[in-house]
Protein backbone atom coordinates (compact mmCIF):
# COMPACT_ATOMS: atom_id res chain seq x y z
CA UNK A 1 -4.56 -10.63 10.29
CA UNK A 2 -4.52 -13.66 12.78
CA UNK A 3 -6.95 -14.64 15.75
CA UNK A 4 -4.24 -16.35 17.80
CA UNK A 5 -4.34 -15.51 21.69
CA UNK A 6 11.92 -20.56 22.26
CA UNK A 7 12.62 -16.75 20.50
CA UNK A 8 16.34 -16.86 19.16
CA UNK A 9 18.87 -14.39 20.44
CA UNK A 10 20.01 -11.29 18.89
CA UNK A 11 23.00 -9.27 20.18
CA UNK A 12 22.45 -5.41 20.46
CA UNK A 13 24.91 -2.66 20.01
CA UNK A 14 25.29 -0.21 23.29
CA UNK A 15 24.20 2.43 20.86
CA UNK A 16 20.41 3.57 20.83
CA UNK A 17 18.56 6.12 18.44
CA UNK A 18 16.96 9.21 20.53
CA UNK A 19 13.41 9.63 19.80
CA UNK A 20 11.50 12.72 19.74
CA UNK A 21 9.68 11.77 23.04
CA UNK A 22 10.97 11.81 26.55
CA UNK A 23 12.19 8.73 28.21
CA UNK A 24 12.18 6.02 24.94
CA UNK A 25 14.97 4.91 23.27
CA UNK A 26 15.11 2.75 19.99
CA UNK A 27 17.84 0.12 19.66
CA UNK A 28 19.74 -0.11 16.87
CA UNK A 29 20.10 -3.87 16.24
CA UNK A 30 23.40 -5.91 14.64
CA UNK A 31 22.77 -6.57 11.07
CA UNK A 32 19.60 -4.36 11.13
CA UNK A 33 19.28 -4.03 7.06
CA UNK A 34 16.38 -4.11 5.08
CA UNK A 35 14.60 -7.18 5.00
CA UNK A 36 14.23 -6.41 0.92
CA UNK A 37 15.68 -3.66 -1.30
CA UNK A 38 14.42 -0.07 -0.08
CA UNK A 39 14.20 1.00 -3.48
CA UNK A 40 11.97 -1.22 -4.39
CA UNK A 41 8.49 -0.58 -5.11
CA UNK A 42 5.80 -2.20 -2.50
CA UNK A 43 2.45 -3.93 -2.85
CA UNK A 44 0.88 -4.78 0.26
CA UNK A 45 -2.48 -7.20 0.42
CA UNK A 46 -4.74 -6.60 3.06
CA UNK A 47 -8.07 -8.17 4.84
CA UNK A 48 -8.21 -4.44 6.59
CA UNK A 49 -8.16 -5.47 10.40
CA UNK A 50 -7.21 -3.33 13.09
CA UNK A 51 -3.80 -5.00 12.99
CA UNK A 52 -3.64 -3.97 9.25
CA UNK A 53 -4.37 -0.50 9.92
CA UNK A 54 -1.34 -0.43 12.23
CA UNK A 55 0.86 -2.34 9.79
CA UNK A 56 0.17 0.12 7.08
CA UNK A 57 1.21 2.89 9.43
CA UNK A 58 4.13 1.20 10.11
CA UNK A 59 5.24 0.83 6.68
CA UNK A 60 3.83 3.72 4.50
CA UNK A 61 6.83 5.98 5.91
CA UNK A 62 9.53 3.54 4.83
CA UNK A 63 8.85 2.12 1.33
CA UNK A 64 7.62 3.21 -1.52
CA UNK A 65 3.57 2.06 -1.52
CA UNK A 66 2.55 1.91 -5.18
CA UNK A 67 -0.67 -0.17 -4.23
CA UNK A 68 -2.58 -1.46 -1.64
CA UNK A 69 -5.18 -4.70 -2.66
CA UNK A 70 -8.22 -5.18 -0.19
CA UNK A 71 -8.80 -8.87 0.31
CA UNK A 72 -12.25 -10.19 2.02
CA UNK A 73 -11.23 -11.52 5.75
CA UNK A 74 -11.41 -9.30 8.59
CA UNK A 75 -13.33 -6.72 6.49
CA UNK A 76 -14.99 -7.47 3.49
CA UNK A 77 -13.46 -6.50 0.19
CA UNK A 78 -14.96 -2.96 -0.87
CA UNK A 79 -15.98 -1.72 2.68
CA UNK A 80 -12.34 -2.46 3.43
CA UNK A 81 -11.06 -0.49 0.63
CA UNK A 82 -12.74 2.44 1.29
CA UNK A 83 -11.36 2.38 5.02
CA UNK A 84 -7.62 1.79 3.89
CA UNK A 85 -8.08 4.62 1.68
CA UNK A 86 -9.24 6.90 4.12
CA UNK A 87 -6.55 5.81 6.43
CA UNK A 88 -3.87 6.17 3.66
CA UNK A 89 -5.13 9.69 2.77
CA UNK A 90 -4.17 11.25 6.23
CA UNK A 91 -0.45 11.63 4.83
CA UNK A 92 -1.57 13.52 1.92
CA UNK A 93 -0.16 10.90 -0.79
CA UNK A 94 -1.88 7.85 -0.78
CA UNK A 95 -1.23 4.86 -2.99
CA UNK A 96 -3.86 3.30 -5.28
CA UNK A 97 -6.33 1.13 -2.86
CA UNK A 98 -7.62 -2.08 -5.07
CA UNK A 99 -10.70 -3.93 -4.28
CA UNK A 100 -9.56 -7.81 -4.60
CA UNK A 101 -11.75 -10.94 -3.78
CA UNK A 102 -13.48 -12.93 -1.46
CA UNK A 103 -12.67 -16.53 -0.38
CA UNK A 104 -15.54 -18.79 -2.46
CA UNK A 105 -15.84 -20.85 0.93
CA UNK A 106 -14.93 -18.85 3.95
CA UNK A 107 -15.34 -20.74 7.31
CA UNK A 108 -18.30 -19.27 9.86
CA UNK A 109 -16.95 -17.29 12.89
CA UNK A 110 -19.51 -16.04 15.12
CA UNK A 111 -17.16 -13.27 16.26
CA UNK A 112 -16.50 -12.16 12.61
CA UNK A 113 -19.39 -9.74 11.79
CA UNK A 114 -19.19 -7.45 14.92
CA UNK A 115 -15.21 -7.41 14.06
CA UNK A 116 -15.94 -6.84 10.52
CA UNK A 117 -18.68 -4.11 11.11
CA UNK A 118 -16.07 -2.27 13.46
CA UNK A 119 -12.68 -2.63 10.97
CA UNK A 120 -14.68 -1.51 7.97
CA UNK A 121 -15.81 2.03 9.80
CA UNK A 122 -12.14 2.34 11.14
CA UNK A 123 -12.90 0.78 14.42
CA UNK A 124 -16.29 2.66 14.69
CA UNK A 125 -14.42 5.90 14.32
CA UNK A 126 -16.50 6.31 10.94
CA UNK A 127 -20.44 6.66 11.64
CA UNK A 128 -20.98 4.32 8.15
CA UNK A 129 -19.14 1.87 5.92
CA UNK A 130 -18.71 2.87 2.36
CA UNK A 131 -17.83 0.70 -0.48
CA UNK A 132 -15.44 1.22 -2.77
CA UNK A 133 -16.27 1.41 -6.72
CA UNK A 134 -13.16 -0.13 -8.23
CA UNK A 135 -13.72 -3.43 -10.33
CA UNK A 136 -11.70 -6.48 -9.10
CA UNK A 137 -11.61 -7.73 -12.54
CA UNK A 138 -9.12 -4.97 -13.37
CA UNK A 139 -6.90 -5.93 -10.40
CA UNK A 140 -4.09 -7.22 -12.56
CA UNK A 141 -4.14 -4.36 -14.95
CA UNK A 142 -4.36 -1.93 -12.17
CA UNK A 143 -1.41 -3.53 -10.25
CA UNK A 144 0.62 -3.46 -13.38
CA UNK A 145 -0.24 0.41 -14.07
CA UNK A 146 0.69 0.77 -9.93
CA UNK A 147 4.00 -0.64 -10.76
CA UNK A 148 5.14 0.98 -13.78
CA UNK A 149 8.77 1.76 -13.83
CA UNK A 150 9.41 -0.39 -11.08
CA UNK A 151 12.34 -3.00 -11.29
CA UNK A 152 11.67 -4.66 -7.94
CA UNK A 153 8.79 -5.42 -5.80
CA UNK A 154 8.19 -6.18 -2.39
CA UNK A 155 4.83 -7.71 -1.82
CA UNK A 156 3.50 -7.39 1.99
CA UNK A 157 0.60 -9.84 2.47
CA UNK A 158 -1.36 -9.42 5.50
CA UNK A 159 -4.63 -11.00 4.90
CA UNK A 160 -6.08 -14.31 3.04
CA UNK A 161 -4.35 -15.63 -0.55
CA UNK A 162 -7.26 -15.18 -2.44
CA UNK A 163 -6.71 -12.17 -4.52
CA UNK A 164 -2.72 -13.40 -4.73
CA UNK A 165 -3.28 -15.26 -8.33
CA UNK A 166 -5.22 -12.42 -9.69
CA UNK A 167 -2.42 -10.14 -9.97
CA UNK A 168 0.87 -12.26 -9.25
CA UNK A 169 1.97 -12.20 -12.97
CA UNK A 170 1.85 -8.20 -12.53
CA UNK A 171 4.51 -8.20 -9.96
CA UNK A 172 6.86 -8.82 -12.60
CA UNK A 173 10.14 -11.15 -11.79
CA UNK A 174 12.25 -9.84 -9.08
CA UNK A 175 9.65 -10.11 -6.22
CA UNK A 176 10.19 -10.46 -2.37
CA UNK A 177 7.23 -11.83 -0.51
CA UNK A 178 6.82 -11.52 3.16
CA UNK A 179 3.44 -13.01 4.69
CA UNK A 180 2.05 -12.79 8.07
CA UNK A 181 1.05 -15.82 9.95
CA UNK A 182 2.54 -19.45 8.74
CA UNK A 183 2.89 -21.33 5.88
CA UNK A 184 0.09 -24.16 4.92
CA UNK A 185 2.78 -26.41 6.02
CA UNK A 186 2.91 -24.81 9.32
CA UNK A 187 -0.73 -23.82 9.39
CA UNK A 188 -2.74 -24.38 12.85
CA UNK A 189 -6.32 -23.79 13.05
CA UNK A 190 -5.69 -20.72 15.13
CA UNK A 191 -4.21 -18.73 11.66
CA UNK A 192 -6.85 -17.00 10.74
CA UNK A 193 -5.17 -15.90 7.32
CA UNK A 194 -4.59 -19.53 5.79
CA UNK A 195 -7.73 -20.75 7.49
CA UNK A 196 -9.94 -18.25 6.31
CA UNK A 197 -9.51 -19.57 2.39
CA UNK A 198 -7.62 -22.70 2.97
CA UNK A 199 -7.42 -23.63 -0.65
CA UNK A 200 -5.39 -20.45 -1.70
CA UNK A 201 -3.15 -21.07 0.98
CA UNK A 202 -2.68 -24.20 0.28
CA UNK A 203 -1.93 -23.64 -3.59
CA UNK A 204 -1.47 -19.94 -4.04
CA UNK A 205 1.55 -18.68 -1.68
CA UNK A 206 4.43 -18.42 -3.96
CA UNK A 207 7.75 -20.79 -3.25
CA UNK A 208 10.26 -18.65 -1.16
CA UNK A 209 7.78 -16.50 0.80
CA UNK A 210 9.07 -15.15 4.26
CA UNK A 211 6.58 -15.76 6.93
CA UNK A 212 6.82 -13.18 10.20
CA UNK A 213 4.34 -14.15 13.22
CA UNK A 214 4.68 -14.23 17.21
CA UNK A 215 4.97 -16.84 19.48
CA UNK A 216 2.11 -19.58 20.19
CA UNK A 217 -0.65 -18.67 21.96
CA UNK A 218 -0.44 -18.75 25.37
CA UNK A 219 3.48 -17.94 25.66
CA UNK A 220 5.08 -15.34 27.08
CA UNK A 221 5.70 -12.22 25.95
CA UNK A 222 2.62 -11.77 24.45
CA UNK A 223 3.47 -8.85 22.23
CA UNK A 224 -0.34 -7.00 22.78
CA UNK A 225 -0.83 -3.61 21.69
CA UNK A 226 -1.56 -1.49 24.52
CA UNK A 227 -3.36 1.69 25.26
CA UNK A 228 -0.21 3.18 26.63
CA UNK A 229 1.52 2.58 22.72
CA UNK A 230 -1.17 4.08 20.93
CA UNK A 231 -1.18 7.10 23.10
CA UNK A 232 2.40 7.45 22.16
CA UNK A 233 1.25 7.96 18.38
CA UNK A 234 1.74 11.53 17.25
CA UNK A 235 -1.81 13.50 17.01
CA UNK A 236 -1.29 15.07 13.41
CA UNK A 237 -1.39 12.65 9.94
CA UNK A 238 -1.69 9.57 9.57
CA UNK A 239 -0.23 8.73 13.26
CA UNK A 240 -2.93 11.11 14.16
CA UNK A 241 -5.72 9.60 12.47
CA UNK A 242 -4.60 5.74 13.63
CA UNK A 243 -4.51 6.87 17.39
CA UNK A 244 -8.03 8.71 17.06
CA UNK A 245 -9.56 5.60 15.51
CA UNK A 246 -8.07 2.84 17.92
CA UNK A 247 -9.26 5.41 20.78
CA UNK A 248 -12.55 5.41 19.82
CA UNK A 249 -13.29 1.64 20.95
CA UNK A 250 -9.88 -0.16 22.72
CA UNK A 251 -12.09 -3.15 23.50
CA UNK A 252 -12.00 -4.27 19.68
CA UNK A 253 -8.43 -4.66 19.74
CA UNK A 254 -7.06 -4.92 23.45
CA UNK A 255 -6.45 -8.57 24.43
CA UNK A 256 -5.42 -9.12 20.56
CA UNK A 257 -1.57 -9.21 19.60
CA UNK A 258 0.74 -7.43 17.18
CA UNK A 259 0.42 -9.96 14.49
CA UNK A 260 0.49 -7.83 11.01
CA UNK A 261 2.56 -5.33 12.69
CA UNK A 262 5.38 -7.76 12.78
CA UNK A 263 5.31 -8.73 9.17
CA UNK A 264 5.48 -4.84 7.92
CA UNK A 265 8.44 -4.35 10.92
CA UNK A 266 10.18 -7.08 9.54
CA UNK A 267 10.36 -5.12 6.38
CA UNK A 268 12.01 -2.10 7.77
CA UNK A 269 13.65 -3.85 10.69
CA UNK A 270 14.27 -7.39 9.86
CA UNK A 271 17.20 -7.26 12.68
CA UNK A 272 14.52 -7.36 15.46
CA UNK A 273 13.66 -10.82 14.26
CA UNK A 274 15.00 -14.60 14.26
CA UNK A 275 14.00 -18.06 12.44
CA UNK A 276 12.11 -19.99 14.43
CA UNK A 277 10.84 -23.12 12.39
CA UNK A 278 9.98 -22.15 9.36
CA UNK A 279 9.07 -18.72 9.98
CA UNK A 280 10.75 -15.47 11.89
CA UNK A 281 9.30 -14.69 15.32
CA UNK A 282 10.58 -11.01 17.41
CA UNK A 283 14.31 -11.57 19.17
CA UNK A 284 13.57 -8.62 21.30
CA UNK A 285 11.57 -8.13 23.99
CA UNK A 286 7.93 -6.86 23.81
CA UNK A 287 8.55 -3.36 25.05
CA UNK A 288 11.31 -2.92 22.67
CA UNK A 289 9.24 -4.52 20.07
CA UNK A 290 6.34 -1.37 20.68
CA UNK A 291 9.03 0.99 20.77
CA UNK A 292 9.96 0.11 17.23
CA UNK A 293 6.95 0.13 16.21
CA UNK A 294 5.58 3.49 17.81
CA UNK A 295 8.80 4.97 16.32
CA UNK A 296 8.36 3.82 12.49
CA UNK A 297 4.42 5.00 13.02
CA UNK A 298 5.71 8.46 14.09
CA UNK A 299 7.87 8.75 11.24
CA UNK A 300 4.63 9.29 9.18
């Protein structure tokens, strides 16, 4: 999750992939190969913000997601874990959702209590937030158990790095890390994931991680979620639950950006991105970017 309010070029073939709704086509991008092995097991580390829910819906149909770690950030650990569990259960085949850890010294944001209360109830879709019963002390062991038989692991980090040191060893030796936002070296005060636990951002993030972000705040295009985009999600299963939850209170996400959505999409459509400094940014226009996201979500 990120609270922030020059893109490289990529050739697009003339071939398009027709989708199951009228008037929409998604380009097949040149060199559009998976960012990591499609046969790899996947772990997602999330702080359960609304863009995290969309990111999980993008990734779940395309990857073998074995575990989701709930780290404090936009949501708290235990309530965020339950919200994620309920969202993913709509697929009928849910990975393990494991409570992680909280920052020892988080910043004091005046906007965060209201955002947290809404996110922990799936954008106020649920009547109450319900804490998960898992034991964070078992996090490393639980991640290792979830990855039994996996030889390659993709780790998608959508929130602060607080939990990562507690389970890093359980990921094995062949690990490909993609993170939403920017590294400590490129950090700025608008980068929520790094600022929420600055010490972990400075020391915990592994070398070789690929960072995925959007253009700087104030730039055009904005890459923001829209009501028209959400209305194109299918009405059944995980897309349907995501659509219903987001439509309960659009004011919670209108005016934000497709931050974590971008990191998830990079895993399955890396050809839609280009290097920008020390991170990747979308290399397609925002309308095409939203088309790719809708197509990925509806695949689930």
